[in-house]
Amino acid sequence: MYIPVFTHRQLYIALLRVIDIYRLLLLLPQGGNAATTNIIYPEVLLNSSRDSIAAVVVVVVVVVVVVVVVVVVVVVVVVVVVVVVVVVVVVVVQ
């Protein structure tokens, strides 16, 4: 009995990464079936798409929070600089 080493996707990725076709070596069974079966589990694909959407939502929320924090910090720094400049001008003028 022949048990394939690679799943369909692993074999596909491995073949895509070949740089030199002349150094590629595929070991196939003699006289046997040299094919792999592509098995798809729809429930995994459906769950992964929901997980992907959730991950994208999390990333968007994190980016928005970071942008808001950066804007608040910049506004605070600008206000502090303006206050310091006003205080210095008032002290120098007196």
C-alpha atoms as a PDB file:
ATOM      1  CA  MET A   1       0.000   0.000   0.000  1.00  0.00           C
ATOM      2  CA  TYR A   2       1.284   3.442  -0.936  1.00  0.00           C
ATOM      3  CA  ILE A   3       0.750   6.360   1.443  1.00  0.00           C
ATOM      4  CA  PRO A   4       1.571   9.775  -0.043  1.00  0.00           C
ATOM      5  CA  VAL A   5       4.044  11.935   1.854  1.00  0.00           C
ATOM      6  CA  PHE A   6       2.480  15.238   0.823  1.00  0.00           C
ATOM      7  CA  THR A   7      -1.055  16.465   0.899  1.00  0.00           C
ATOM      8  CA  HIS A   8      -2.256  18.151  -2.285  1.00  0.00           C
ATOM      9  CA  ARG A   9      -1.494  21.676  -1.074  1.00  0.00           C
ATOM     10  CA  GLN A  10       1.927  20.747   0.339  1.00  0.00           C
ATOM     11  CA  LEU A  11       2.956  19.154  -2.952  1.00  0.00           C
ATOM     12  CA  TYR A  12       1.733  22.196  -4.880  1.00  0.00           C
ATOM     13  CA  ILE A  13       3.707  24.602  -2.664  1.00  0.00           C
ATOM     14  CA  ALA A  14       6.815  22.402  -2.784  1.00  0.00           C
ATOM     15  CA  LEU A  15       6.711  22.344  -6.588  1.00  0.00           C
ATOM     16  CA  LEU A  16       6.189  26.115  -6.710  1.00  0.00           C
ATOM     17  CA  ARG A  17       9.366  26.653  -4.690  1.00  0.00           C
ATOM     18  CA  VAL A  18      11.579  24.746  -7.106  1.00  0.00           C
ATOM     19  CA  ILE A  19      14.290  27.070  -8.414  1.00  0.00           C
ATOM     20  CA  ASP A  20      16.093  24.719 -10.783  1.00  0.00           C
ATOM     21  CA  ILE A  21      13.896  22.224 -12.659  1.00  0.00           C
ATOM     22  CA  TYR A  22      16.933  20.043 -13.378  1.00  0.00           C
ATOM     23  CA  ARG A  23      17.471  19.463  -9.657  1.00  0.00           C
ATOM     24  CA  LEU A  24      13.864  18.398  -9.044  1.00  0.00           C
ATOM     25  CA  LEU A  25      13.396  14.755  -8.102  1.00  0.00           C
ATOM     26  CA  LEU A  26       9.979  13.166  -7.606  1.00  0.00           C
ATOM     27  CA  LEU A  27       9.832   9.644  -6.242  1.00  0.00           C
ATOM     28  CA  LEU A  28       6.726   7.901  -7.539  1.00  0.00           C
ATOM     29  CA  PRO A  29       5.572   4.339  -6.895  1.00  0.00           C
ATOM     30  CA  GLN A  30       6.347   1.852  -9.662  1.00  0.00           C
ATOM     31  CA  GLY A  31       3.237   0.779 -11.517  1.00  0.00           C
ATOM     32  CA  GLY A  32       1.005   2.487  -8.976  1.00  0.00           C
ATOM     33  CA  ASN A  33      -1.208   5.503  -9.003  1.00  0.00           C
ATOM     34  CA  ALA A  34       0.959   8.643  -9.055  1.00  0.00           C
ATOM     35  CA  ALA A  35      -1.839  10.972  -8.025  1.00  0.00           C
ATOM     36  CA  THR A  36      -2.934  12.598  -4.809  1.00  0.00           C
ATOM     37  CA  THR A  37      -6.524  13.074  -3.840  1.00  0.00           C
ATOM     38  CA  ASN A  38      -7.614  16.630  -3.192  1.00  0.00           C
ATOM     39  CA  ILE A  39      -9.851  16.410  -0.126  1.00  0.00           C
ATOM     40  CA  ILE A  40     -11.838  19.518   0.749  1.00  0.00           C
ATOM     41  CA  TYR A  41     -13.705  19.981   4.012  1.00  0.00           C
ATOM     42  CA  PRO A  42     -16.310  22.722   3.393  1.00  0.00           C
ATOM     43  CA  GLU A  43     -16.933  23.248   7.115  1.00  0.00           C
ATOM     44  CA  VAL A  44     -13.277  24.142   7.631  1.00  0.00           C
ATOM     45  CA  LEU A  45     -13.387  26.638   4.779  1.00  0.00           C
ATOM     46  CA  LEU A  46     -16.567  28.203   6.129  1.00  0.00           C
ATOM     47  CA  ASN A  47     -15.143  28.508   9.641  1.00  0.00           C
ATOM     48  CA  SER A  48     -11.873  29.904   8.379  1.00  0.00           C
ATOM     49  CA  SER A  49     -13.665  32.612   6.395  1.00  0.00           C
ATOM     50  CA  ARG A  50     -15.548  33.670   9.521  1.00  0.00           C
ATOM     51  CA  ASP A  51     -12.293  33.608  11.463  1.00  0.00           C
ATOM     52  CA  SER A  52     -10.643  35.670   8.731  1.00  0.00           C
ATOM     53  CA  ILE A  53     -13.398  38.272   8.896  1.00  0.00           C
ATOM     54  CA  ALA A  54     -13.079  38.404  12.679  1.00  0.00           C
ATOM     55  CA  ALA A  55      -9.302  38.819  12.377  1.00  0.00           C
ATOM     56  CA  VAL A  56      -9.728  41.667   9.889  1.00  0.00           C
ATOM     57  CA  VAL A  57     -12.226  43.377  12.208  1.00  0.00           C
ATOM     58  CA  VAL A  58      -9.793  43.055  15.122  1.00  0.00           C
ATOM     59  CA  VAL A  59      -6.954  44.512  13.053  1.00  0.00           C
ATOM     60  CA  VAL A  60      -9.125  47.433  11.898  1.00  0.00           C
ATOM     61  CA  VAL A  61     -10.215  48.171  15.484  1.00  0.00           C
ATOM     62  CA  VAL A  62      -6.618  48.045  16.723  1.00  0.00           C
ATOM     63  CA  VAL A  63      -5.467  50.377  13.923  1.00  0.00           C
ATOM     64  CA  VAL A  64      -8.274  52.838  14.684  1.00  0.00           C
ATOM     65  CA  VAL A  65      -7.433  52.805  18.406  1.00  0.00           C
ATOM     66  CA  VAL A  66      -3.735  53.374  17.681  1.00  0.00           C
ATOM     67  CA  VAL A  67      -4.537  56.263  15.325  1.00  0.00           C
ATOM     68  CA  VAL A  68      -6.830  57.863  17.928  1.00  0.00           C
ATOM     69  CA  VAL A  69      -4.169  57.512  20.635  1.00  0.00           C
ATOM     70  CA  VAL A  70      -1.522  59.041  18.370  1.00  0.00           C
ATOM     71  CA  VAL A  71      -3.815  61.976  17.502  1.00  0.00           C
ATOM     72  CA  VAL A  72      -4.598  62.580  21.178  1.00  0.00           C
ATOM     73  CA  VAL A  73      -0.891  62.494  22.082  1.00  0.00           C
ATOM     74  CA  VAL A  74      -0.057  64.942  19.277  1.00  0.00           C
ATOM     75  CA  VAL A  75      -2.841  67.318  20.387  1.00  0.00           C
ATOM     76  CA  VAL A  76      -1.644  67.168  24.007  1.00  0.00           C
ATOM     77  CA  VAL A  77       1.951  67.865  22.945  1.00  0.00           C
ATOM     78  CA  VAL A  78       0.845  70.819  20.813  1.00  0.00           C
ATOM     79  CA  VAL A  79      -1.227  72.252  23.694  1.00  0.00           C
ATOM     80  CA  VAL A  80       1.683  71.863  26.117  1.00  0.00           C
ATOM     81  CA  VAL A  81       4.067  73.572  23.684  1.00  0.00           C
ATOM     82  CA  VAL A  82       1.620  76.447  23.148  1.00  0.00           C
ATOM     83  CA  VAL A  83       1.163  76.889  26.922  1.00  0.00           C
ATOM     84  CA  VAL A  84       4.932  76.884  27.489  1.00  0.00           C
ATOM     85  CA  VAL A  85       5.452  79.429  24.699  1.00  0.00           C
ATOM     86  CA  VAL A  86       2.728  81.693  26.131  1.00  0.00           C
ATOM     87  CA  VAL A  87       4.193  81.464  29.635  1.00  0.00           C
ATOM     88  CA  VAL A  88       7.691  82.246  28.337  1.00  0.00           C
ATOM     89  CA  VAL A  89       6.403  85.229  26.325  1.00  0.00           C
ATOM     90  CA  VAL A  90       4.458  86.578  29.333  1.00  0.00           C
ATOM     91  CA  VAL A  91       7.504  86.211  31.611  1.00  0.00           C
ATOM     92  CA  VAL A  92       9.863  87.839  29.088  1.00  0.00           C
ATOM     93  CA  VAL A  93       7.497  90.754  28.377  1.00  0.00           C
ATOM     94  CA  GLN A  94       7.129  91.633  32.077  1.00  0.00           C
END
